[in-house]
Amino acid sequence: MLAQREYKRRHDNVARYVHWRLCEKYKLDRTNKWYDHKPEGVVENVNYKMLVDAMIQCDKKIEARKSDIVLEDKKRS
């Protein structure tokens, strides 16, 4: 049980760092330090929209359809 909790904590920290770096790259709001960053469900600007832990709508029933991070380029949509 302890190992599962530690695995989840590490996974969440990696996802937080990746989210923070993507926010930097695509000019989205973020904190100065990655370890202070708390990803919100939706972050967007004029050009990009980033979703965290969002359910993806599919035509068929898929159990694992909740992604960690989705980045949408609004210009290409």
PDB file of N, CA and C in Angstrom:
ATOM      1  N   MET A   1       0.827  -1.195   0.000  1.00  0.00           N
ATOM      2  CA  MET A   1       0.000   0.000   0.000  1.00  0.00           C
ATOM      3  C   MET A   1       0.873   1.262   0.000  1.00  0.00           C
ATOM      4  N   LEU A   2       1.946   1.242   0.760  1.00  0.00           N
ATOM      5  CA  LEU A   2       2.870   2.367   0.803  1.00  0.00           C
ATOM      6  C   LEU A   2       3.518   2.585  -0.554  1.00  0.00           C
ATOM      7  N   ALA A   3       3.853   1.509  -1.240  1.00  0.00           N
ATOM      8  CA  ALA A   3       4.475   1.614  -2.556  1.00  0.00           C
ATOM      9  C   ALA A   3       3.521   2.248  -3.560  1.00  0.00           C
ATOM     10  N   GLN A   4       2.239   1.901  -3.508  1.00  0.00           N
ATOM     11  CA  GLN A   4       1.257   2.489  -4.407  1.00  0.00           C
ATOM     12  C   GLN A   4       1.118   3.995  -4.185  1.00  0.00           C
ATOM     13  N   ARG A   5       1.114   4.395  -2.930  1.00  0.00           N
ATOM     14  CA  ARG A   5       1.009   5.818  -2.594  1.00  0.00           C
ATOM     15  C   ARG A   5       2.238   6.574  -3.097  1.00  0.00           C
ATOM     16  N   GLU A   6       3.409   5.997  -2.925  1.00  0.00           N
ATOM     17  CA  GLU A   6       4.652   6.622  -3.387  1.00  0.00           C
ATOM     18  C   GLU A   6       4.684   6.685  -4.912  1.00  0.00           C
ATOM     19  N   TYR A   7       4.228   5.624  -5.577  1.00  0.00           N
ATOM     20  CA  TYR A   7       4.158   5.608  -7.035  1.00  0.00           C
ATOM     21  C   TYR A   7       3.248   6.736  -7.537  1.00  0.00           C
ATOM     22  N   LYS A   8       2.084   6.902  -6.919  1.00  0.00           N
ATOM     23  CA  LYS A   8       1.134   7.961  -7.306  1.00  0.00           C
ATOM     24  C   LYS A   8       1.731   9.335  -7.067  1.00  0.00           C
ATOM     25  N   ARG A   9       2.415   9.518  -5.953  1.00  0.00           N
ATOM     26  CA  ARG A   9       3.040  10.811  -5.642  1.00  0.00           C
ATOM     27  C   ARG A   9       4.087  11.164  -6.680  1.00  0.00           C
ATOM     28  N   ARG A  10       4.930  10.192  -7.054  1.00  0.00           N
ATOM     29  CA  ARG A  10       5.956  10.442  -8.082  1.00  0.00           C
ATOM     30  C   ARG A  10       5.315  10.743  -9.423  1.00  0.00           C
ATOM     31  N   HIS A  11       4.293   9.998  -9.779  1.00  0.00           N
ATOM     32  CA  HIS A  11       3.578  10.229 -11.037  1.00  0.00           C
ATOM     33  C   HIS A  11       2.998  11.644 -11.062  1.00  0.00           C
ATOM     34  N   ASP A  12       2.356  12.057  -9.991  1.00  0.00           N
ATOM     35  CA  ASP A  12       1.765  13.387  -9.925  1.00  0.00           C
ATOM     36  C   ASP A  12       2.822  14.483 -10.007  1.00  0.00           C
ATOM     37  N   ASN A  13       3.983  14.271  -9.392  1.00  0.00           N
ATOM     38  CA  ASN A  13       5.069  15.249  -9.461  1.00  0.00           C
ATOM     39  C   ASN A  13       5.622  15.377 -10.878  1.00  0.00           C
ATOM     40  N   VAL A  14       5.767  14.263 -11.573  1.00  0.00           N
ATOM     41  CA  VAL A  14       6.239  14.311 -12.962  1.00  0.00           C
ATOM     42  C   VAL A  14       5.212  15.036 -13.829  1.00  0.00           C
ATOM     43  N   ALA A  15       3.939  14.712 -13.657  1.00  0.00           N
ATOM     44  CA  ALA A  15       2.885  15.373 -14.430  1.00  0.00           C
ATOM     45  C   ALA A  15       2.856  16.873 -14.131  1.00  0.00           C
ATOM     46  N   ARG A  16       3.089  17.245 -12.885  1.00  0.00           N
ATOM     47  CA  ARG A  16       3.117  18.662 -12.512  1.00  0.00           C
ATOM     48  C   ARG A  16       4.272  19.373 -13.208  1.00  0.00           C
ATOM     49  N   TYR A  17       5.444  18.742 -13.247  1.00  0.00           N
ATOM     50  CA  TYR A  17       6.606  19.339 -13.909  1.00  0.00           C
ATOM     51  C   TYR A  17       6.372  19.463 -15.417  1.00  0.00           C
ATOM     52  N   VAL A  18       5.830  18.426 -16.035  1.00  0.00           N
ATOM     53  CA  VAL A  18       5.539  18.464 -17.476  1.00  0.00           C
ATOM     54  C   VAL A  18       4.533  19.575 -17.761  1.00  0.00           C
ATOM     55  N   HIS A  19       3.494  19.694 -16.953  1.00  0.00           N
ATOM     56  CA  HIS A  19       2.487  20.743 -17.112  1.00  0.00           C
ATOM     57  C   HIS A  19       3.148  22.112 -16.998  1.00  0.00           C
ATOM     58  N   TRP A  20       4.008  22.293 -16.015  1.00  0.00           N
ATOM     59  CA  TRP A  20       4.696  23.560 -15.786  1.00  0.00           C
ATOM     60  C   TRP A  20       5.549  23.949 -16.993  1.00  0.00           C
ATOM     61  N   ARG A  21       6.279  22.964 -17.550  1.00  0.00           N
ATOM     62  CA  ARG A  21       7.129  23.228 -18.722  1.00  0.00           C
ATOM     63  C   ARG A  21       6.288  23.540 -19.959  1.00  0.00           C
ATOM     64  N   LEU A  22       5.169  22.851 -20.148  1.00  0.00           N
ATOM     65  CA  LEU A  22       4.292  23.151 -21.265  1.00  0.00           C
ATOM     66  C   LEU A  22       3.688  24.551 -21.132  1.00  0.00           C
ATOM     67  N   CYS A  23       3.346  24.926 -19.917  1.00  0.00           N
ATOM     68  CA  CYS A  23       2.843  26.285 -19.688  1.00  0.00           C
ATOM     69  C   CYS A  23       3.896  27.314 -20.077  1.00  0.00           C
ATOM     70  N   GLU A  24       5.139  27.033 -19.751  1.00  0.00           N
ATOM     71  CA  GLU A  24       6.234  27.934 -20.129  1.00  0.00           C
ATOM     72  C   GLU A  24       6.359  28.021 -21.652  1.00  0.00           C
ATOM     73  N   LYS A  25       6.371  26.878 -22.300  1.00  0.00           N
ATOM     74  CA  LYS A  25       6.568  26.828 -23.746  1.00  0.00           C
ATOM     75  C   LYS A  25       5.451  27.525 -24.509  1.00  0.00           C
ATOM     76  N   TYR A  26       4.212  27.353 -24.077  1.00  0.00           N
ATOM     77  CA  TYR A  26       3.064  27.890 -24.798  1.00  0.00           C
ATOM     78  C   TYR A  26       2.511  29.164 -24.179  1.00  0.00           C
ATOM     79  N   LYS A  27       3.279  29.783 -23.286  1.00  0.00           N
ATOM     80  CA  LYS A  27       2.936  31.089 -22.703  1.00  0.00           C
ATOM     81  C   LYS A  27       1.607  31.076 -21.951  1.00  0.00           C
ATOM     82  N   LEU A  28       1.405  30.031 -21.148  1.00  0.00           N
ATOM     83  CA  LEU A  28       0.225  29.921 -20.292  1.00  0.00           C
ATOM     84  C   LEU A  28       0.621  30.305 -18.868  1.00  0.00           C
ATOM     85  N   ASP A  29      -0.348  30.660 -18.050  1.00  0.00           N
ATOM     86  CA  ASP A  29      -0.061  31.068 -16.664  1.00  0.00           C
ATOM     87  C   ASP A  29       0.579  29.931 -15.891  1.00  0.00           C
ATOM     88  N   ARG A  30       1.604  30.274 -15.100  1.00  0.00           N
ATOM     89  CA  ARG A  30       2.283  29.288 -14.259  1.00  0.00           C
ATOM     90  C   ARG A  30       3.007  30.005 -13.126  1.00  0.00           C
ATOM     91  N   THR A  31       3.475  29.244 -12.142  1.00  0.00           N
ATOM     92  CA  THR A  31       4.253  29.808 -11.048  1.00  0.00           C
ATOM     93  C   THR A  31       5.725  29.874 -11.466  1.00  0.00           C
ATOM     94  N   ASN A  32       6.546  30.508 -10.641  1.00  0.00           N
ATOM     95  CA  ASN A  32       7.980  30.614 -10.944  1.00  0.00           C
ATOM     96  C   ASN A  32       8.722  29.306 -10.715  1.00  0.00           C
ATOM     97  N   LYS A  33       8.278  28.508  -9.765  1.00  0.00           N
ATOM     98  CA  LYS A  33       8.945  27.249  -9.424  1.00  0.00           C
ATOM     99  C   LYS A  33       7.991  26.090  -9.700  1.00  0.00           C
ATOM    100  N   TRP A  34       8.512  25.024 -10.303  1.00  0.00           N
ATOM    101  CA  TRP A  34       7.646  23.906 -10.676  1.00  0.00           C
ATOM    102  C   TRP A  34       7.023  23.237  -9.461  1.00  0.00           C
ATOM    103  N   TYR A  35       7.740  23.192  -8.342  1.00  0.00           N
ATOM    104  CA  TYR A  35       7.220  22.496  -7.161  1.00  0.00           C
ATOM    105  C   TYR A  35       6.141  23.294  -6.438  1.00  0.00           C
ATOM    106  N   ASP A  36       5.979  24.577  -6.770  1.00  0.00           N
ATOM    107  CA  ASP A  36       4.870  25.376  -6.242  1.00  0.00           C
ATOM    108  C   ASP A  36       3.668  25.370  -7.184  1.00  0.00           C
ATOM    109  N   HIS A  37       3.863  24.829  -8.371  1.00  0.00           N
ATOM    110  CA  HIS A  37       2.831  24.845  -9.413  1.00  0.00           C
ATOM    111  C   HIS A  37       1.725  23.838  -9.087  1.00  0.00           C
ATOM    112  N   LYS A  38       0.478  24.294  -9.186  1.00  0.00           N
ATOM    113  CA  LYS A  38      -0.680  23.421  -8.980  1.00  0.00           C
ATOM    114  C   LYS A  38      -1.518  23.475 -10.256  1.00  0.00           C
ATOM    115  N   PRO A  39      -1.411  22.444 -11.096  1.00  0.00           N
ATOM    116  CA  PRO A  39      -2.149  22.457 -12.356  1.00  0.00           C
ATOM    117  C   PRO A  39      -3.661  22.554 -12.137  1.00  0.00           C
ATOM    118  N   GLU A  40      -4.277  23.465 -12.863  1.00  0.00           N
ATOM    119  CA  GLU A  40      -5.726  23.611 -12.803  1.00  0.00           C
ATOM    120  C   GLU A  40      -6.349  22.761 -13.901  1.00  0.00           C
ATOM    121  N   GLY A  41      -7.629  22.524 -13.821  1.00  0.00           N
ATOM    122  CA  GLY A  41      -8.322  21.695 -14.794  1.00  0.00           C
ATOM    123  C   GLY A  41      -8.200  22.206 -16.216  1.00  0.00           C
ATOM    124  N   VAL A  42      -8.346  23.530 -16.386  1.00  0.00           N
ATOM    125  CA  VAL A  42      -8.252  24.142 -17.712  1.00  0.00           C
ATOM    126  C   VAL A  42      -7.414  25.412 -17.599  1.00  0.00           C
ATOM    127  N   VAL A  43      -6.407  25.527 -18.463  1.00  0.00           N
ATOM    128  CA  VAL A  43      -5.592  26.733 -18.575  1.00  0.00           C
ATOM    129  C   VAL A  43      -5.563  27.082 -20.055  1.00  0.00           C
ATOM    130  N   GLU A  44      -5.834  28.343 -20.375  1.00  0.00           N
ATOM    131  CA  GLU A  44      -5.844  28.683 -21.791  1.00  0.00           C
ATOM    132  C   GLU A  44      -5.444  30.130 -22.024  1.00  0.00           C
ATOM    133  N   ASN A  45      -5.030  30.390 -23.248  1.00  0.00           N
ATOM    134  CA  ASN A  45      -4.802  31.737 -23.737  1.00  0.00           C
ATOM    135  C   ASN A  45      -5.437  31.817 -25.120  1.00  0.00           C
ATOM    136  N   VAL A  46      -5.088  32.807 -25.892  1.00  0.00           N
ATOM    137  CA  VAL A  46      -5.707  32.998 -27.202  1.00  0.00           C
ATOM    138  C   VAL A  46      -5.406  31.833 -28.145  1.00  0.00           C
ATOM    139  N   ASN A  47      -4.190  31.262 -28.062  1.00  0.00           N
ATOM    140  CA  ASN A  47      -3.755  30.243 -29.014  1.00  0.00           C
ATOM    141  C   ASN A  47      -3.883  28.797 -28.537  1.00  0.00           C
ATOM    142  N   TYR A  48      -3.802  28.566 -27.225  1.00  0.00           N
ATOM    143  CA  TYR A  48      -3.741  27.195 -26.714  1.00  0.00           C
ATOM    144  C   TYR A  48      -4.681  26.990 -25.535  1.00  0.00           C
ATOM    145  N   LYS A  49      -5.068  25.731 -25.365  1.00  0.00           N
ATOM    146  CA  LYS A  49      -5.906  25.332 -24.230  1.00  0.00           C
ATOM    147  C   LYS A  49      -5.331  24.020 -23.697  1.00  0.00           C
ATOM    148  N   MET A  50      -5.056  23.964 -22.395  1.00  0.00           N
ATOM    149  CA  MET A  50      -4.507  22.755 -21.788  1.00  0.00           C
ATOM    150  C   MET A  50      -5.478  22.241 -20.727  1.00  0.00           C
ATOM    151  N   LEU A  51      -5.795  20.947 -20.827  1.00  0.00           N
ATOM    152  CA  LEU A  51      -6.700  20.281 -19.893  1.00  0.00           C
ATOM    153  C   LEU A  51      -5.901  19.290 -19.055  1.00  0.00           C
ATOM    154  N   VAL A  52      -6.259  19.186 -17.791  1.00  0.00           N
ATOM    155  CA  VAL A  52      -5.597  18.244 -16.884  1.00  0.00           C
ATOM    156  C   VAL A  52      -6.648  17.300 -16.316  1.00  0.00           C
ATOM    157  N   ASP A  53      -6.356  15.997 -16.355  1.00  0.00           N
ATOM    158  CA  ASP A  53      -7.273  14.961 -15.855  1.00  0.00           C
ATOM    159  C   ASP A  53      -8.674  15.106 -16.445  1.00  0.00           C
ATOM    160  N   ALA A  54      -8.739  15.290 -17.745  1.00  0.00           N
ATOM    161  CA  ALA A  54     -10.019  15.487 -18.428  1.00  0.00           C
ATOM    162  C   ALA A  54     -10.477  14.190 -19.074  1.00  0.00           C
ATOM    163  N   MET A  55     -11.785  13.962 -19.011  1.00  0.00           N
ATOM    164  CA  MET A  55     -12.369  12.818 -19.704  1.00  0.00           C
ATOM    165  C   MET A  55     -12.457  13.148 -21.186  1.00  0.00           C
ATOM    166  N   ILE A  56     -12.015  12.235 -22.016  1.00  0.00           N
ATOM    167  CA  ILE A  56     -12.059  12.404 -23.457  1.00  0.00           C
ATOM    168  C   ILE A  56     -13.310  11.703 -23.984  1.00  0.00           C
ATOM    169  N   GLN A  57     -14.127  12.427 -24.738  1.00  0.00           N
ATOM    170  CA  GLN A  57     -15.329  11.821 -25.298  1.00  0.00           C
ATOM    171  C   GLN A  57     -14.951  10.953 -26.489  1.00  0.00           C
ATOM    172  N   CYS A  58     -15.505   9.762 -26.520  1.00  0.00           N
ATOM    173  CA  CYS A  58     -15.221   8.803 -27.583  1.00  0.00           C
ATOM    174  C   CYS A  58     -16.539   8.263 -28.141  1.00  0.00           C
ATOM    175  N   ASP A  59     -16.477   7.740 -29.351  1.00  0.00           N
ATOM    176  CA  ASP A  59     -17.661   7.133 -29.949  1.00  0.00           C
ATOM    177  C   ASP A  59     -18.016   5.810 -29.282  1.00  0.00           C
ATOM    178  N   LYS A  60     -16.987   5.061 -28.885  1.00  0.00           N
ATOM    179  CA  LYS A  60     -17.184   3.773 -28.231  1.00  0.00           C
ATOM    180  C   LYS A  60     -16.859   3.890 -26.751  1.00  0.00           C
ATOM    181  N   LYS A  61     -17.354   2.949 -25.972  1.00  0.00           N
ATOM    182  CA  LYS A  61     -17.073   2.946 -24.540  1.00  0.00           C
ATOM    183  C   LYS A  61     -15.640   2.469 -24.313  1.00  0.00           C
ATOM    184  N   ILE A  62     -14.842   3.330 -23.704  1.00  0.00           N
ATOM    185  CA  ILE A  62     -13.447   3.012 -23.384  1.00  0.00           C
ATOM    186  C   ILE A  62     -13.252   3.311 -21.901  1.00  0.00           C
ATOM    187  N   GLU A  63     -12.795   2.342 -21.154  1.00  0.00           N
ATOM    188  CA  GLU A  63     -12.623   2.511 -19.705  1.00  0.00           C
ATOM    189  C   GLU A  63     -11.555   3.551 -19.368  1.00  0.00           C
ATOM    190  N   ALA A  64     -10.384   3.438 -19.986  1.00  0.00           N
ATOM    191  CA  ALA A  64      -9.260   4.329 -19.673  1.00  0.00           C
ATOM    192  C   ALA A  64      -9.248   5.487 -20.659  1.00  0.00           C
ATOM    193  N   ARG A  65     -10.122   6.454 -20.450  1.00  0.00           N
ATOM    194  CA  ARG A  65     -10.183   7.594 -21.365  1.00  0.00           C
ATOM    195  C   ARG A  65      -9.928   8.920 -20.654  1.00  0.00           C
ATOM    196  N   LYS A  66      -9.368   8.847 -19.457  1.00  0.00           N
ATOM    197  CA  LYS A  66      -9.042  10.049 -18.698  1.00  0.00           C
ATOM    198  C   LYS A  66      -7.538  10.297 -18.821  1.00  0.00           C
ATOM    199  N   SER A  67      -7.188  11.309 -19.589  1.00  0.00           N
ATOM    200  CA  SER A  67      -5.770  11.577 -19.824  1.00  0.00           C
ATOM    201  C   SER A  67      -5.219  12.528 -18.771  1.00  0.00           C
ATOM    202  N   ASP A  68      -3.911  12.475 -18.583  1.00  0.00           N
ATOM    203  CA  ASP A  68      -3.267  13.369 -17.623  1.00  0.00           C
ATOM    204  C   ASP A  68      -3.241  14.800 -18.147  1.00  0.00           C
ATOM    205  N   ILE A  69      -2.730  14.988 -19.370  1.00  0.00           N
ATOM    206  CA  ILE A  69      -2.601  16.328 -19.942  1.00  0.00           C
ATOM    207  C   ILE A  69      -2.987  16.281 -21.422  1.00  0.00           C
ATOM    208  N   VAL A  70      -3.822  17.236 -21.826  1.00  0.00           N
ATOM    209  CA  VAL A  70      -4.200  17.392 -23.234  1.00  0.00           C
ATOM    210  C   VAL A  70      -3.928  18.836 -23.612  1.00  0.00           C
ATOM    211  N   LEU A  71      -3.195  19.038 -24.712  1.00  0.00           N
ATOM    212  CA  LEU A  71      -2.907  20.380 -25.204  1.00  0.00           C
ATOM    213  C   LEU A  71      -3.600  20.562 -26.536  1.00  0.00           C
ATOM    214  N   GLU A  72      -4.446  21.577 -26.630  1.00  0.00           N
ATOM    215  CA  GLU A  72      -5.197  21.849 -27.864  1.00  0.00           C
ATOM    216  C   GLU A  72      -4.665  23.133 -28.493  1.00  0.00           C
ATOM    217  N   ASP A  73      -4.316  23.063 -29.758  1.00  0.00           N
ATOM    218  CA  ASP A  73      -3.911  24.225 -30.528  1.00  0.00           C
ATOM    219  C   ASP A  73      -5.186  24.811 -31.132  1.00  0.00           C
ATOM    220  N   LYS A  74      -5.629  25.946 -30.654  1.00  0.00           N
ATOM    221  CA  LYS A  74      -6.894  26.525 -31.095  1.00  0.00           C
ATOM    222  C   LYS A  74      -6.871  26.947 -32.558  1.00  0.00           C
ATOM    223  N   LYS A  75      -5.711  27.260 -33.081  1.00  0.00           N
ATOM    224  CA  LYS A  75      -5.612  27.660 -34.482  1.00  0.00           C
ATOM    225  C   LYS A  75      -5.883  26.497 -35.420  1.00  0.00           C
ATOM    226  N   ARG A  76      -5.540  25.294 -34.997  1.00  0.00           N
ATOM    227  CA  ARG A  76      -5.689  24.094 -35.843  1.00  0.00           C
ATOM    228  C   ARG A  76      -7.017  23.391 -35.630  1.00  0.00           C
ATOM    229  N   SER A  77      -7.769  23.780 -34.622  1.00  0.00           N
ATOM    230  CA  SER A  77      -9.041  23.096 -34.308  1.00  0.00           C
ATOM    231  C   SER A  77     -10.140  23.514 -35.239  1.00  0.00           C
TER     232      SER A  77
END
